[in-house]
């Protein structure tokens, strides 16, 4: 709410990226759209909110055309007023969409495969890895981890691999990183041993060993 009120488009984008509830209301019962009416970036934020949460399809054809036009207008307004001022990113977008489509077709064709998901470390930068997994899961429209029999990771990527192997959701892993950003992922590496050890025991169990994890194979 405060990000919208302050007109901080970058912060609004970040909150949406991390799946913030754009239909939430504040203590006074005001929605984001109501608060945005007095924002200095009202047009930009309205366009962004319309893109990520288009209105539901109405019954009449004419209303459908109007809403489609509104959504398309908001999308192009956002493109023209953001850093996407040319088509230089289009080839990369096309490659990503094509790669995802190939993977979907491979999965549908059946057959035995061995897929390994390797997760890089980097402390709080693990949030980037988590967000990539979240976006891939949205693209595939299914449980992403069900496609991988092997999980591997280095440093904090290994912590993430352990969490995922225990069936913890990507959203849970993201909240886990947020909880630890100040008490663990600070200063220079290696991180504080006692704090890390305490976290691992509380998160994964005092007596848990790799032998207890049978749903995935860990590297």
Protein backbone atom coordinates (compact mmCIF):
# COMPACT_ATOMS: atom_id res chain seq x y z
CA UNK A 1 0.00 0.00 0.00
CA UNK A 2 2.77 2.42 0.96
CA UNK A 3 4.62 1.69 -2.29
CA UNK A 4 1.54 2.70 -4.30
CA UNK A 5 0.95 5.74 -2.12
CA UNK A 6 4.55 6.88 -2.61
CA UNK A 7 4.32 6.30 -6.35
CA UNK A 8 7.30 3.94 -6.32
CA UNK A 9 6.80 1.96 -9.53
CA UNK A 10 9.96 -0.10 -8.99
CA UNK A 11 8.81 -1.19 -5.53
CA UNK A 12 5.32 -2.02 -6.83
CA UNK A 13 6.93 -4.21 -9.53
CA UNK A 14 9.06 -5.94 -6.88
CA UNK A 15 6.06 -6.66 -4.64
CA UNK A 16 4.09 -8.07 -7.58
CA UNK A 17 7.11 -10.16 -8.54
CA UNK A 18 7.07 -11.71 -5.07
CA UNK A 19 3.33 -12.51 -5.42
CA UNK A 20 1.95 -9.72 -3.23
CA UNK A 21 -1.86 -9.74 -2.96
CA UNK A 22 -2.98 -6.88 -5.20
CA UNK A 23 -6.57 -7.31 -4.01
CA UNK A 24 -5.71 -6.63 -0.37
CA UNK A 25 -7.15 -3.66 1.54
CA UNK A 26 -5.59 -1.55 4.29
CA UNK A 27 -6.85 -0.93 7.83
CA UNK A 28 -9.24 1.72 6.50
CA UNK A 29 -10.69 -0.68 3.95
CA UNK A 30 -9.08 1.04 0.97
CA UNK A 31 -7.96 -1.03 -2.00
CA UNK A 32 -4.76 -0.48 -3.97
CA UNK A 33 -6.77 1.07 -6.80
CA UNK A 34 -8.38 3.59 -4.42
CA UNK A 35 -5.03 4.55 -2.91
CA UNK A 36 -3.53 4.87 -6.38
CA UNK A 37 -5.98 7.64 -7.31
CA UNK A 38 -3.79 10.14 -5.45
CA UNK A 39 -0.47 8.66 -6.58
CA UNK A 40 1.90 10.70 -8.74
CA UNK A 41 2.46 7.59 -10.89
CA UNK A 42 -1.23 6.72 -11.16
CA UNK A 43 -1.26 5.96 -14.91
CA UNK A 44 1.83 3.73 -14.74
CA UNK A 45 0.64 1.80 -11.68
CA UNK A 46 -2.88 1.43 -13.12
CA UNK A 47 -1.39 -0.01 -16.31
CA UNK A 48 0.80 -2.42 -14.33
CA UNK A 49 -2.11 -3.62 -12.16
CA UNK A 50 -4.32 -4.11 -15.22
CA UNK A 51 -1.67 -6.26 -16.91
CA UNK A 52 -1.18 -8.62 -13.97
CA UNK A 53 -4.87 -8.76 -13.01
CA UNK A 54 -7.14 -8.14 -16.02
CA UNK A 55 -10.91 -7.78 -15.39
CA UNK A 56 -13.00 -10.97 -15.68
CA UNK A 57 -14.56 -11.71 -19.05
CA UNK A 58 -18.13 -10.32 -19.23
CA UNK A 59 -21.10 -11.96 -20.91
CA UNK A 60 -21.60 -9.59 -23.85
CA UNK A 61 -19.32 -9.45 -26.89
CA UNK A 62 -19.15 -5.66 -26.85
CA UNK A 63 -18.01 -5.59 -23.23
CA UNK A 64 -15.41 -8.24 -24.03
CA UNK A 65 -14.03 -6.07 -26.84
CA UNK A 66 -13.86 -3.06 -24.50
CA UNK A 67 -12.02 -4.97 -21.80
CA UNK A 68 -9.63 -6.52 -24.33
CA UNK A 69 -8.86 -3.04 -25.65
CA UNK A 70 -8.30 -1.77 -22.09
CA UNK A 71 -5.93 -4.62 -21.31
CA UNK A 72 -3.97 -4.16 -24.54
CA UNK A 73 -3.81 -0.40 -24.02
CA UNK A 74 -2.46 -0.90 -20.49
CA UNK A 75 0.13 -3.36 -21.77
CA UNK A 76 1.45 -1.05 -24.48
CA UNK A 77 1.39 1.93 -22.13
CA UNK A 78 3.57 -0.02 -19.72
CA UNK A 79 5.98 -1.05 -22.48
CA UNK A 80 6.35 2.50 -23.76
CA UNK A 81 6.95 3.99 -20.32
CA UNK A 82 9.29 1.30 -18.99
CA UNK A 83 12.81 0.31 -19.98
CA UNK A 84 11.46 -1.89 -22.80
CA UNK A 85 11.77 0.90 -25.38
CA UNK A 86 12.76 -1.35 -28.28
CA UNK A 87 12.42 -4.91 -29.49
CA UNK A 88 15.88 -6.04 -28.41
CA UNK A 89 14.45 -8.42 -25.80
CA UNK A 90 12.05 -10.10 -28.24
CA UNK A 91 14.53 -12.77 -29.49
CA UNK A 92 15.30 -13.83 -25.92
CA UNK A 93 11.60 -14.00 -25.04
CA UNK A 94 10.98 -16.13 -28.12
CA UNK A 95 13.83 -18.50 -27.22
CA UNK A 96 12.48 -18.94 -23.71
CA UNK A 97 8.94 -19.64 -24.89
CA UNK A 98 10.23 -22.10 -27.50
CA UNK A 99 12.37 -23.96 -24.95
CA UNK A 100 9.46 -24.25 -22.52
CA UNK A 101 7.20 -25.56 -25.29
CA UNK A 102 9.77 -28.21 -26.26
CA UNK A 103 10.01 -29.37 -22.65
CA UNK A 104 6.22 -29.61 -22.40
CA UNK A 105 6.08 -31.73 -25.56
CA UNK A 106 8.89 -33.98 -24.30
CA UNK A 107 7.05 -34.56 -21.04
CA UNK A 108 3.81 -35.41 -22.84
CA UNK A 109 5.56 -37.93 -25.11
CA UNK A 110 6.42 -40.12 -22.11
CA UNK A 111 9.46 -42.34 -21.82
CA UNK A 112 12.03 -42.71 -19.06
CA UNK A 113 14.24 -39.72 -18.29
CA UNK A 114 16.59 -38.65 -15.55
CA UNK A 115 16.36 -34.92 -14.83
CA UNK A 116 18.67 -33.15 -12.39
CA UNK A 117 18.00 -29.67 -11.01
CA UNK A 118 21.24 -27.89 -10.02
CA UNK A 119 20.92 -24.85 -7.74
CA UNK A 120 23.67 -22.27 -7.36
CA UNK A 121 24.55 -20.65 -4.03
CA UNK A 122 25.36 -17.04 -3.23
CA UNK A 123 23.63 -16.24 0.07
CA UNK A 124 20.66 -13.91 -0.30
CA UNK A 125 21.12 -14.10 -4.08
CA UNK A 126 19.42 -17.45 -3.75
CA UNK A 127 16.23 -15.39 -3.97
CA UNK A 128 16.98 -15.00 -7.68
CA UNK A 129 17.07 -18.79 -8.05
CA UNK A 130 13.83 -19.16 -6.10
CA UNK A 131 12.09 -16.54 -8.22
CA UNK A 132 13.26 -18.23 -11.41
CA UNK A 133 11.79 -21.51 -10.15
CA UNK A 134 8.55 -19.73 -9.28
CA UNK A 135 8.24 -18.22 -12.75
CA UNK A 136 9.07 -21.54 -14.43
CA UNK A 137 6.38 -23.24 -12.38
CA UNK A 138 3.87 -20.64 -13.56
CA UNK A 139 4.94 -21.17 -17.17
CA UNK A 140 4.69 -24.95 -17.02
CA UNK A 141 1.42 -24.79 -15.12
CA UNK A 142 2.29 -27.76 -12.93
CA UNK A 143 4.42 -28.81 -9.98
CA UNK A 144 7.89 -28.09 -11.31
CA UNK A 145 9.70 -30.35 -8.84
CA UNK A 146 7.76 -33.41 -10.02
CA UNK A 147 9.85 -33.26 -13.22
CA UNK A 148 13.13 -33.78 -11.35
CA UNK A 149 14.33 -36.95 -9.66
CA UNK A 150 17.69 -35.49 -8.65
CA UNK A 151 18.39 -32.22 -6.82
CA UNK A 152 21.83 -30.70 -6.32
CA UNK A 153 23.16 -27.48 -4.90
CA UNK A 154 26.18 -25.63 -3.58
CA UNK A 155 26.30 -23.43 -0.48
CA UNK A 156 22.82 -21.96 0.10
CA UNK A 157 21.68 -23.71 -3.06
CA UNK A 158 22.15 -26.95 -1.12
CA UNK A 159 19.86 -25.62 1.63
CA UNK A 160 17.26 -24.85 -1.02
CA UNK A 161 17.66 -28.34 -2.51
CA UNK A 162 17.11 -29.89 0.93
CA UNK A 163 13.97 -27.83 1.52
CA UNK A 164 12.51 -28.74 -1.87
CA UNK A 165 13.36 -32.43 -1.38
CA UNK A 166 11.30 -32.39 1.82
CA UNK A 167 8.27 -31.20 -0.13
CA UNK A 168 8.44 -27.56 0.94
CA UNK A 169 6.88 -25.23 -1.61
CA UNK A 170 8.77 -22.60 -3.56
CA UNK A 171 6.74 -19.94 -1.70
CA UNK A 172 7.88 -21.43 1.62
CA UNK A 173 11.51 -21.37 0.48
CA UNK A 174 11.17 -17.72 -0.47
CA UNK A 175 9.76 -16.81 2.95
CA UNK A 176 12.59 -18.82 4.52
CA UNK A 177 15.17 -16.65 2.74
CA UNK A 178 13.40 -13.47 3.82
CA UNK A 179 13.43 -14.61 7.46
CA UNK A 180 17.16 -15.22 7.35
CA UNK A 181 18.35 -12.27 5.31
CA UNK A 182 19.38 -10.23 8.36
CA UNK A 183 20.51 -12.86 10.85
CA UNK A 184 22.33 -15.23 8.50
CA UNK A 185 23.05 -13.78 5.05
CA UNK A 186 25.07 -10.83 6.29
CA UNK A 187 28.74 -10.00 6.36
CA UNK A 188 31.35 -12.04 4.56
CA UNK A 189 31.21 -15.75 3.82
CA UNK A 190 31.43 -18.26 5.35
CA UNK A 191 28.30 -17.40 7.33
CA UNK A 192 28.15 -17.71 11.11
CA UNK A 193 28.37 -21.45 11.87
CA UNK A 194 26.28 -21.52 15.05
CA UNK A 195 23.42 -19.54 13.49
CA UNK A 196 23.43 -21.68 10.37
CA UNK A 197 23.54 -24.91 12.37
CA UNK A 198 20.62 -23.80 14.55
CA UNK A 199 18.58 -22.87 11.49
CA UNK A 200 19.23 -26.18 9.72
CA UNK A 201 18.16 -28.16 12.78
CA UNK A 202 14.96 -26.16 13.26
CA UNK A 203 14.04 -26.20 9.58
CA UNK A 204 14.83 -29.82 8.70
CA UNK A 205 14.65 -31.62 12.05
CA UNK A 206 17.13 -32.40 14.79
CA UNK A 207 17.78 -36.00 13.76
CA UNK A 208 17.06 -35.90 10.02
CA UNK A 209 19.68 -37.46 7.76
CA UNK A 210 19.95 -37.78 3.98
CA UNK A 211 18.79 -41.38 4.33
CA UNK A 212 15.42 -40.07 5.55
CA UNK A 213 14.81 -38.26 2.26
CA UNK A 214 13.45 -40.79 -0.21
CA UNK A 215 11.33 -38.71 -2.59
CA UNK A 216 14.40 -37.20 -4.33
CA UNK A 217 18.03 -38.10 -4.77
CA UNK A 218 20.40 -35.39 -3.53
CA UNK A 219 23.83 -34.44 -4.82
